[in-house]
All heavy atoms as atom14 arrays in JSON, in Angstrom:
{
  "sequence": "AIVRELVFLKQSEDNNRKHRFLIIFLLCGAASAAVTWKGPSSIL",
  "atom14_mask": [
    [1, 1, 1, 1, 1, 0, 0, 0, 0, 0, 0, 0, 0, 0],
    [1, 1, 1, 1, 1, 1, 1, 1, 0, 0, 0, 0, 0, 0],
    [1, 1, 1, 1, 1, 1, 1, 0, 0, 0, 0, 0, 0, 0],
    [1, 1, 1, 1, 1, 1, 1, 1, 1, 1, 1, 0, 0, 0],
    [1, 1, 1, 1, 1, 1, 1, 1, 1, 0, 0, 0, 0, 0],
    [1, 1, 1, 1, 1, 1, 1, 1, 0, 0, 0, 0, 0, 0],
    [1, 1, 1, 1, 1, 1, 1, 0, 0, 0, 0, 0, 0, 0],
    [1, 1, 1, 1, 1, 1, 1, 1, 1, 1, 1, 0, 0, 0],
    [1, 1, 1, 1, 1, 1, 1, 1, 0, 0, 0, 0, 0, 0],
    [1, 1, 1, 1, 1, 1, 1, 1, 1, 0, 0, 0, 0, 0],
    [1, 1, 1, 1, 1, 1, 1, 1, 1, 0, 0, 0, 0, 0],
    [1, 1, 1, 1, 1, 1, 0, 0, 0, 0, 0, 0, 0, 0],
    [1, 1, 1, 1, 1, 1, 1, 1, 1, 0, 0, 0, 0, 0],
    [1, 1, 1, 1, 1, 1, 1, 1, 0, 0, 0, 0, 0, 0],
    [1, 1, 1, 1, 1, 1, 1, 1, 0, 0, 0, 0, 0, 0],
    [1, 1, 1, 1, 1, 1, 1, 1, 0, 0, 0, 0, 0, 0],
    [1, 1, 1, 1, 1, 1, 1, 1, 1, 1, 1, 0, 0, 0],
    [1, 1, 1, 1, 1, 1, 1, 1, 1, 0, 0, 0, 0, 0],
    [1, 1, 1, 1, 1, 1, 1, 1, 1, 1, 0, 0, 0, 0],
    [1, 1, 1, 1, 1, 1, 1, 1, 1, 1, 1, 0, 0, 0],
    [1, 1, 1, 1, 1, 1, 1, 1, 1, 1, 1, 0, 0, 0],
    [1, 1, 1, 1, 1, 1, 1, 1, 0, 0, 0, 0, 0, 0],
    [1, 1, 1, 1, 1, 1, 1, 1, 0, 0, 0, 0, 0, 0],
    [1, 1, 1, 1, 1, 1, 1, 1, 0, 0, 0, 0, 0, 0],
    [1, 1, 1, 1, 1, 1, 1, 1, 1, 1, 1, 0, 0, 0],
    [1, 1, 1, 1, 1, 1, 1, 1, 0, 0, 0, 0, 0, 0],
    [1, 1, 1, 1, 1, 1, 1, 1, 0, 0, 0, 0, 0, 0],
    [1, 1, 1, 1, 1, 1, 0, 0, 0, 0, 0, 0, 0, 0],
    [1, 1, 1, 1, 0, 0, 0, 0, 0, 0, 0, 0, 0, 0],
    [1, 1, 1, 1, 1, 0, 0, 0, 0, 0, 0, 0, 0, 0],
    [1, 1, 1, 1, 1, 0, 0, 0, 0, 0, 0, 0, 0, 0],
    [1, 1, 1, 1, 1, 1, 0, 0, 0, 0, 0, 0, 0, 0],
    [1, 1, 1, 1, 1, 0, 0, 0, 0, 0, 0, 0, 0, 0],
    [1, 1, 1, 1, 1, 0, 0, 0, 0, 0, 0, 0, 0, 0],
    [1, 1, 1, 1, 1, 1, 1, 0, 0, 0, 0, 0, 0, 0],
    [1, 1, 1, 1, 1, 1, 1, 0, 0, 0, 0, 0, 0, 0],
    [1, 1, 1, 1, 1, 1, 1, 1, 1, 1, 1, 1, 1, 1],
    [1, 1, 1, 1, 1, 1, 1, 1, 1, 0, 0, 0, 0, 0],
    [1, 1, 1, 1, 0, 0, 0, 0, 0, 0, 0, 0, 0, 0],
    [1, 1, 1, 1, 1, 1, 1, 0, 0, 0, 0, 0, 0, 0],
    [1, 1, 1, 1, 1, 1, 0, 0, 0, 0, 0, 0, 0, 0],
    [1, 1, 1, 1, 1, 1, 0, 0, 0, 0, 0, 0, 0, 0],
    [1, 1, 1, 1, 1, 1, 1, 1, 0, 0, 0, 0, 0, 0],
    [1, 1, 1, 1, 1, 1, 1, 1, 0, 0, 0, 0, 0, 0]
  ],
  "atom14_positions": [
    [[106.38, 111.56, 104.71], [107.26, 112.08, 103.65], [107.9, 113.4, 104.08], [109.07, 113.65, 103.77], [106.47, 112.26, 102.36], [0.0, 0.0, 0.0], [0.0, 0.0, 0.0], [0.0, 0.0, 0.0], [0.0, 0.0, 0.0], [0.0, 0.0, 0.0], [0.0, 0.0, 0.0], [0.0, 0.0, 0.0], [0.0, 0.0, 0.0], [0.0, 0.0, 0.0]],
    [[107.16, 114.24, 104.78], [107.72, 115.51, 105.27], [108.9, 115.23, 106.18], [109.98, 115.82, 106.03], [106.64, 116.33, 106.0], [105.58, 116.82, 105.01], [107.27, 117.5, 106.76], [104.3, 117.32, 105.66], [0.0, 0.0, 0.0], [0.0, 0.0, 0.0], [0.0, 0.0, 0.0], [0.0, 0.0, 0.0], [0.0, 0.0, 0.0], [0.0, 0.0, 0.0]],
    [[108.71, 114.32, 107.13], [109.8, 113.95, 108.05], [110.96, 113.35, 107.26], [112.12, 113.68, 107.48], [109.3, 112.99, 109.15], [110.45, 112.5, 110.02], [108.22, 113.65, 109.99], [0.0, 0.0, 0.0], [0.0, 0.0, 0.0], [0.0, 0.0, 0.0], [0.0, 0.0, 0.0], [0.0, 0.0, 0.0], [0.0, 0.0, 0.0], [0.0, 0.0, 0.0]],
    [[110.63, 112.48, 106.32], [111.66, 111.84, 105.49], [112.49, 112.87, 104.76], [113.72, 112.81, 104.77], [110.96, 110.91, 104.49], [111.88, 110.32, 103.45], [111.09, 109.63, 102.34], [110.44, 110.61, 101.49], [109.29, 110.41, 100.89], [108.61, 109.3, 101.05], [108.78, 111.33, 100.11], [0.0, 0.0, 0.0], [0.0, 0.0, 0.0], [0.0, 0.0, 0.0]],
    [[111.84, 113.84, 104.13], [112.6, 114.84, 103.38], [113.46, 115.69, 104.3], [114.59, 116.04, 103.94], [111.66, 115.71, 102.55], [111.27, 115.03, 101.25], [109.8, 114.71, 101.14], [108.96, 115.44, 101.71], [109.48, 113.71, 100.48], [0.0, 0.0, 0.0], [0.0, 0.0, 0.0], [0.0, 0.0, 0.0], [0.0, 0.0, 0.0], [0.0, 0.0, 0.0]],
    [[112.95, 116.03, 105.47], [113.76, 116.79, 106.42], [115.01, 116.01, 106.82], [116.11, 116.55, 106.87], [112.94, 117.16, 107.65], [111.85, 118.22, 107.43], [110.95, 118.32, 108.65], [112.46, 119.57, 107.08], [0.0, 0.0, 0.0], [0.0, 0.0, 0.0], [0.0, 0.0, 0.0], [0.0, 0.0, 0.0], [0.0, 0.0, 0.0], [0.0, 0.0, 0.0]],
    [[114.82, 114.71, 107.06], [115.96, 113.86, 107.43], [116.92, 113.73, 106.27], [118.14, 113.89, 106.43], [115.47, 112.47, 107.91], [116.63, 111.48, 108.01], [114.74, 112.59, 109.24], [0.0, 0.0, 0.0], [0.0, 0.0, 0.0], [0.0, 0.0, 0.0], [0.0, 0.0, 0.0], [0.0, 0.0, 0.0], [0.0, 0.0, 0.0], [0.0, 0.0, 0.0]],
    [[116.41, 113.46, 105.07], [117.29, 113.26, 103.92], [118.03, 114.55, 103.55], [119.14, 114.5, 103.04], [116.51, 112.73, 102.72], [116.1, 111.28, 102.86], [115.24, 110.71, 101.93], [116.55, 110.48, 103.89], [114.86, 109.38, 102.04], [116.17, 109.15, 104.01], [115.33, 108.61, 103.08], [0.0, 0.0, 0.0], [0.0, 0.0, 0.0], [0.0, 0.0, 0.0]],
    [[117.43, 115.71, 103.8], [118.12, 116.97, 103.54], [119.26, 117.19, 104.53], [120.27, 117.81, 104.2], [117.15, 118.15, 103.61], [116.29, 118.38, 102.37], [115.22, 119.43, 102.66], [117.12, 118.78, 101.17], [0.0, 0.0, 0.0], [0.0, 0.0, 0.0], [0.0, 0.0, 0.0], [0.0, 0.0, 0.0], [0.0, 0.0, 0.0], [0.0, 0.0, 0.0]],
    [[119.12, 116.68, 105.75], [120.11, 116.9, 106.8], [121.09, 115.75, 107.01], [122.09, 115.93, 107.67], [119.39, 117.15, 108.14], [118.48, 118.33, 108.13], [119.26, 119.6, 108.23], [118.31, 120.78, 108.3], [118.94, 122.02, 108.08], [0.0, 0.0, 0.0], [0.0, 0.0, 0.0], [0.0, 0.0, 0.0], [0.0, 0.0, 0.0], [0.0, 0.0, 0.0]],
    [[120.79, 114.59, 106.47], [121.59, 113.41, 106.8], [123.01, 113.49, 106.25], [123.28, 114.16, 105.28], [120.92, 112.14, 106.3], [121.1, 111.9, 104.81], [120.47, 110.6, 104.38], [119.98, 109.86, 105.19], [120.49, 110.34, 103.11], [0.0, 0.0, 0.0], [0.0, 0.0, 0.0], [0.0, 0.0, 0.0], [0.0, 0.0, 0.0], [0.0, 0.0, 0.0]],
    [[123.89, 112.75, 106.9], [125.27, 112.66, 106.43], [125.35, 111.57, 105.36], [124.37, 110.9, 105.07], [126.18, 112.31, 107.6], [125.94, 110.99, 108.02], [0.0, 0.0, 0.0], [0.0, 0.0, 0.0], [0.0, 0.0, 0.0], [0.0, 0.0, 0.0], [0.0, 0.0, 0.0], [0.0, 0.0, 0.0], [0.0, 0.0, 0.0], [0.0, 0.0, 0.0]],
    [[126.51, 111.39, 104.85], [126.73, 110.36, 103.85], [127.0, 108.99, 104.47], [127.36, 108.06, 103.77], [127.89, 110.75, 102.93], [127.56, 111.94, 102.04], [126.37, 111.66, 101.13], [126.33, 110.59, 100.49], [125.49, 112.53, 101.04], [0.0, 0.0, 0.0], [0.0, 0.0, 0.0], [0.0, 0.0, 0.0], [0.0, 0.0, 0.0], [0.0, 0.0, 0.0]],
    [[126.84, 108.87, 105.77], [127.05, 107.62, 106.49], [126.06, 106.57, 105.96], [124.86, 106.67, 106.17], [126.84, 107.86, 107.99], [126.97, 106.6, 108.81], [127.26, 105.52, 108.25], [126.76, 106.69, 110.03], [0.0, 0.0, 0.0], [0.0, 0.0, 0.0], [0.0, 0.0, 0.0], [0.0, 0.0, 0.0], [0.0, 0.0, 0.0], [0.0, 0.0, 0.0]],
    [[126.58, 105.56, 105.24], [125.71, 104.56, 104.61], [124.9, 103.75, 105.61], [123.76, 103.4, 105.32], [126.53, 103.62, 103.71], [126.81, 104.24, 102.37], [126.09, 105.12, 101.92], [127.88, 103.81, 101.74], [0.0, 0.0, 0.0], [0.0, 0.0, 0.0], [0.0, 0.0, 0.0], [0.0, 0.0, 0.0], [0.0, 0.0, 0.0], [0.0, 0.0, 0.0]],
    [[125.47, 103.43, 106.77], [124.69, 102.7, 107.77], [123.49, 103.51, 108.22], [122.39, 102.99, 108.38], [125.56, 102.34, 108.99], [126.56, 101.25, 108.66], [126.32, 100.43, 107.78], [127.68, 101.25, 109.37], [0.0, 0.0, 0.0], [0.0, 0.0, 0.0], [0.0, 0.0, 0.0], [0.0, 0.0, 0.0], [0.0, 0.0, 0.0], [0.0, 0.0, 0.0]],
    [[123.71, 104.79, 108.43], [122.63, 105.67, 108.85], [121.59, 105.8, 107.73], [120.39, 105.8, 107.98], [123.22, 107.03, 109.2], [122.28, 107.92, 109.9], [123.03, 109.12, 110.43], [122.06, 110.06, 110.94], [122.29, 111.32, 111.13], [123.46, 111.82, 110.87], [121.35, 112.1, 111.58], [0.0, 0.0, 0.0], [0.0, 0.0, 0.0], [0.0, 0.0, 0.0]],
    [[122.05, 105.94, 106.5], [121.14, 106.05, 105.36], [120.27, 104.8, 105.25], [119.07, 104.9, 105.02], [121.92, 106.25, 104.06], [122.48, 107.65, 103.9], [123.38, 107.76, 102.7], [122.61, 107.71, 101.41], [123.46, 107.99, 100.25], [0.0, 0.0, 0.0], [0.0, 0.0, 0.0], [0.0, 0.0, 0.0], [0.0, 0.0, 0.0], [0.0, 0.0, 0.0]],
    [[120.86, 103.63, 105.43], [120.09, 102.38, 105.36], [119.09, 102.28, 106.49], [117.97, 101.82, 106.3], [121.03, 101.17, 105.35], [121.74, 100.99, 104.05], [123.01, 101.46, 103.85], [121.36, 100.43, 102.89], [123.39, 101.19, 102.61], [122.4, 100.57, 102.0], [0.0, 0.0, 0.0], [0.0, 0.0, 0.0], [0.0, 0.0, 0.0], [0.0, 0.0, 0.0]],
    [[119.49, 102.72, 107.67], [118.58, 102.7, 108.82], [117.36, 103.58, 108.55], [116.23, 103.18, 108.82], [119.33, 103.2, 110.06], [118.99, 102.45, 111.29], [119.84, 102.83, 112.48], [121.26, 102.83, 112.15], [122.13, 103.76, 112.54], [121.76, 104.74, 113.3], [123.39, 103.69, 112.18], [0.0, 0.0, 0.0], [0.0, 0.0, 0.0], [0.0, 0.0, 0.0]],
    [[117.58, 104.77, 108.01], [116.47, 105.67, 107.71], [115.56, 105.07, 106.64], [114.34, 105.18, 106.72], [116.96, 107.04, 107.26], [117.43, 107.91, 108.39], [118.68, 108.48, 108.37], [116.59, 108.16, 109.47], [119.11, 109.28, 109.4], [117.01, 108.97, 110.51], [118.27, 109.53, 110.48], [0.0, 0.0, 0.0], [0.0, 0.0, 0.0], [0.0, 0.0, 0.0]],
    [[116.15, 104.44, 105.65], [115.36, 103.8, 104.61], [114.41, 102.78, 105.23], [113.21, 102.8, 104.96], [116.28, 103.12, 103.59], [115.58, 102.32, 102.49], [114.82, 103.24, 101.56], [116.6, 101.5, 101.71], [0.0, 0.0, 0.0], [0.0, 0.0, 0.0], [0.0, 0.0, 0.0], [0.0, 0.0, 0.0], [0.0, 0.0, 0.0], [0.0, 0.0, 0.0]],
    [[114.91, 101.94, 106.08], [114.1, 100.9, 106.71], [113.05, 101.51, 107.62], [111.87, 101.11, 107.6], [115.0, 99.9, 107.48], [115.85, 99.11, 106.47], [114.19, 98.97, 108.36], [117.01, 98.35, 107.07], [0.0, 0.0, 0.0], [0.0, 0.0, 0.0], [0.0, 0.0, 0.0], [0.0, 0.0, 0.0], [0.0, 0.0, 0.0], [0.0, 0.0, 0.0]],
    [[113.42, 102.5, 108.41], [112.47, 103.16, 109.32], [111.31, 103.76, 108.54], [110.14, 103.57, 108.9], [113.18, 104.23, 110.17], [114.09, 103.57, 111.2], [112.16, 105.15, 110.86], [115.06, 104.53, 111.89], [0.0, 0.0, 0.0], [0.0, 0.0, 0.0], [0.0, 0.0, 0.0], [0.0, 0.0, 0.0], [0.0, 0.0, 0.0], [0.0, 0.0, 0.0]],
    [[111.6, 104.48, 107.47], [110.52, 105.12, 106.7], [109.66, 104.1, 105.96], [108.45, 104.31, 105.81], [111.09, 106.18, 105.77], [111.57, 107.4, 106.5], [112.87, 107.83, 106.37], [110.73, 108.09, 107.36], [113.32, 108.95, 107.05], [111.16, 109.21, 108.06], [112.46, 109.64, 107.91], [0.0, 0.0, 0.0], [0.0, 0.0, 0.0], [0.0, 0.0, 0.0]],
    [[110.25, 103.02, 105.5], [109.44, 101.97, 104.87], [108.47, 101.36, 105.89], [107.29, 101.15, 105.58], [110.34, 100.89, 104.28], [111.12, 101.28, 103.03], [112.13, 100.19, 102.67], [110.18, 101.55, 101.86], [0.0, 0.0, 0.0], [0.0, 0.0, 0.0], [0.0, 0.0, 0.0], [0.0, 0.0, 0.0], [0.0, 0.0, 0.0], [0.0, 0.0, 0.0]],
    [[108.95, 101.1, 107.09], [108.09, 100.54, 108.14], [107.0, 101.54, 108.55], [105.85, 101.13, 108.78], [108.92, 100.13, 109.35], [109.85, 98.93, 109.14], [110.76, 98.73, 110.36], [109.06, 97.67, 108.84], [0.0, 0.0, 0.0], [0.0, 0.0, 0.0], [0.0, 0.0, 0.0], [0.0, 0.0, 0.0], [0.0, 0.0, 0.0], [0.0, 0.0, 0.0]],
    [[107.33, 102.81, 108.63], [106.32, 103.82, 108.97], [105.22, 103.89, 107.92], [104.03, 104.01, 108.25], [106.98, 105.2, 109.11], [107.95, 105.4, 110.6], [0.0, 0.0, 0.0], [0.0, 0.0, 0.0], [0.0, 0.0, 0.0], [0.0, 0.0, 0.0], [0.0, 0.0, 0.0], [0.0, 0.0, 0.0], [0.0, 0.0, 0.0], [0.0, 0.0, 0.0]],
    [[105.59, 103.79, 106.65], [104.6, 103.81, 105.58], [103.66, 102.63, 105.67], [102.43, 102.77, 105.54], [0.0, 0.0, 0.0], [0.0, 0.0, 0.0], [0.0, 0.0, 0.0], [0.0, 0.0, 0.0], [0.0, 0.0, 0.0], [0.0, 0.0, 0.0], [0.0, 0.0, 0.0], [0.0, 0.0, 0.0], [0.0, 0.0, 0.0], [0.0, 0.0, 0.0]],
    [[104.21, 101.44, 105.92], [103.37, 100.25, 106.06], [102.46, 100.36, 107.28], [101.27, 100.03, 107.22], [104.25, 99.0, 106.16], [0.0, 0.0, 0.0], [0.0, 0.0, 0.0], [0.0, 0.0, 0.0], [0.0, 0.0, 0.0], [0.0, 0.0, 0.0], [0.0, 0.0, 0.0], [0.0, 0.0, 0.0], [0.0, 0.0, 0.0], [0.0, 0.0, 0.0]],
    [[103.01, 100.87, 108.37], [102.22, 101.02, 109.6], [101.08, 102.02, 109.4], [99.96, 101.8, 109.88], [103.11, 101.45, 110.76], [0.0, 0.0, 0.0], [0.0, 0.0, 0.0], [0.0, 0.0, 0.0], [0.0, 0.0, 0.0], [0.0, 0.0, 0.0], [0.0, 0.0, 0.0], [0.0, 0.0, 0.0], [0.0, 0.0, 0.0], [0.0, 0.0, 0.0]],
    [[101.35, 103.1, 108.68], [100.29, 104.1, 108.47], [99.14, 103.53, 107.65], [97.98, 103.86, 107.9], [100.85, 105.36, 107.81], [101.1, 105.15, 106.44], [0.0, 0.0, 0.0], [0.0, 0.0, 0.0], [0.0, 0.0, 0.0], [0.0, 0.0, 0.0], [0.0, 0.0, 0.0], [0.0, 0.0, 0.0], [0.0, 0.0, 0.0], [0.0, 0.0, 0.0]],
    [[99.45, 102.68, 106.69], [98.38, 102.05, 105.9], [97.53, 101.15, 106.79], [96.3, 101.11, 106.67], [98.97, 101.25, 104.74], [0.0, 0.0, 0.0], [0.0, 0.0, 0.0], [0.0, 0.0, 0.0], [0.0, 0.0, 0.0], [0.0, 0.0, 0.0], [0.0, 0.0, 0.0], [0.0, 0.0, 0.0], [0.0, 0.0, 0.0], [0.0, 0.0, 0.0]],
    [[98.19, 100.44, 107.71], [97.45, 99.55, 108.62], [96.59, 100.35, 109.6], [95.43, 100.0, 109.83], [98.43, 98.66, 109.39], [0.0, 0.0, 0.0], [0.0, 0.0, 0.0], [0.0, 0.0, 0.0], [0.0, 0.0, 0.0], [0.0, 0.0, 0.0], [0.0, 0.0, 0.0], [0.0, 0.0, 0.0], [0.0, 0.0, 0.0], [0.0, 0.0, 0.0]],
    [[97.14, 101.42, 110.15], [96.41, 102.21, 111.15], [95.24, 102.97, 110.54], [94.2, 103.13, 111.18], [97.39, 103.19, 111.86], [96.67, 104.19, 112.72], [98.4, 102.41, 112.69], [0.0, 0.0, 0.0], [0.0, 0.0, 0.0], [0.0, 0.0, 0.0], [0.0, 0.0, 0.0], [0.0, 0.0, 0.0], [0.0, 0.0, 0.0], [0.0, 0.0, 0.0]],
    [[95.39, 103.45, 109.31], [94.33, 104.25, 108.67], [93.5, 103.44, 107.67], [92.81, 104.0, 106.83], [94.95, 105.47, 107.95], [95.84, 105.0, 106.93], [95.68, 106.37, 108.92], [0.0, 0.0, 0.0], [0.0, 0.0, 0.0], [0.0, 0.0, 0.0], [0.0, 0.0, 0.0], [0.0, 0.0, 0.0], [0.0, 0.0, 0.0], [0.0, 0.0, 0.0]],
    [[93.56, 102.13, 107.77], [92.93, 101.22, 106.81], [91.47, 101.56, 106.56], [90.67, 101.67, 107.48], [93.03, 99.79, 107.33], [92.52, 98.77, 106.37], [91.29, 98.2, 106.37], [93.22, 98.22, 105.25], [91.17, 97.32, 105.33], [92.35, 97.32, 104.62], [94.49, 98.42, 104.73], [92.72, 96.6, 103.5], [94.86, 97.71, 103.6], [93.97, 96.8, 103.01]],
    [[91.13, 101.75, 105.28], [89.74, 101.94, 104.85], [89.44, 101.01, 103.68], [88.54, 101.28, 102.9], [89.51, 103.38, 104.42], [89.36, 104.35, 105.56], [88.89, 105.69, 105.05], [88.61, 106.64, 106.18], [88.15, 107.93, 105.7], [0.0, 0.0, 0.0], [0.0, 0.0, 0.0], [0.0, 0.0, 0.0], [0.0, 0.0, 0.0], [0.0, 0.0, 0.0]],
    [[90.22, 99.98, 103.54], [90.04, 99.04, 102.44], [91.31, 98.94, 101.62], [92.31, 99.6, 101.91], [0.0, 0.0, 0.0], [0.0, 0.0, 0.0], [0.0, 0.0, 0.0], [0.0, 0.0, 0.0], [0.0, 0.0, 0.0], [0.0, 0.0, 0.0], [0.0, 0.0, 0.0], [0.0, 0.0, 0.0], [0.0, 0.0, 0.0], [0.0, 0.0, 0.0]],
    [[91.27, 98.12, 100.58], [92.46, 97.86, 99.77], [93.12, 99.12, 99.18], [94.32, 99.14, 98.98], [91.95, 96.95, 98.65], [90.74, 96.3, 99.22], [90.13, 97.31, 100.16], [0.0, 0.0, 0.0], [0.0, 0.0, 0.0], [0.0, 0.0, 0.0], [0.0, 0.0, 0.0], [0.0, 0.0, 0.0], [0.0, 0.0, 0.0], [0.0, 0.0, 0.0]],
    [[92.34, 100.17, 98.97], [92.94, 101.39, 98.4], [93.94, 102.03, 99.38], [94.78, 102.83, 98.96], [91.87, 102.4, 98.01], [91.19, 102.88, 99.16], [0.0, 0.0, 0.0], [0.0, 0.0, 0.0], [0.0, 0.0, 0.0], [0.0, 0.0, 0.0], [0.0, 0.0, 0.0], [0.0, 0.0, 0.0], [0.0, 0.0, 0.0], [0.0, 0.0, 0.0]],
    [[93.87, 101.66, 100.65], [94.81, 102.2, 101.64], [96.24, 101.71, 101.39], [97.2, 102.31, 101.89], [94.39, 101.8, 103.05], [93.15, 102.38, 103.37], [0.0, 0.0, 0.0], [0.0, 0.0, 0.0], [0.0, 0.0, 0.0], [0.0, 0.0, 0.0], [0.0, 0.0, 0.0], [0.0, 0.0, 0.0], [0.0, 0.0, 0.0], [0.0, 0.0, 0.0]],
    [[96.37, 100.64, 100.64], [97.7, 100.11, 100.32], [98.41, 101.0, 99.3], [99.64, 101.13, 99.31], [97.59, 98.66, 99.77], [97.07, 97.74, 100.87], [98.91, 98.17, 99.21], [96.7, 96.35, 100.39], [0.0, 0.0, 0.0], [0.0, 0.0, 0.0], [0.0, 0.0, 0.0], [0.0, 0.0, 0.0], [0.0, 0.0, 0.0], [0.0, 0.0, 0.0]],
    [[97.65, 101.67, 98.45], [98.23, 102.44, 97.35], [99.17, 103.55, 97.81], [100.29, 103.66, 97.3], [97.13, 102.97, 96.43], [96.33, 101.89, 95.71], [95.1, 102.49, 95.05], [97.2, 101.17, 94.71], [0.0, 0.0, 0.0], [0.0, 0.0, 0.0], [0.0, 0.0, 0.0], [0.0, 0.0, 0.0], [0.0, 0.0, 0.0], [0.0, 0.0, 0.0]]
  ]
}
């Protein structure tokens, strides 16, 4: 989220770039849950 906010504060209005960042951060969130898995609560 820290990285996300830094990017969103600096990003241009370029919609393609905005969509790319959206997808990248969604994938990072899912990956972090998988890497730090301690049970179903890790999904939250």
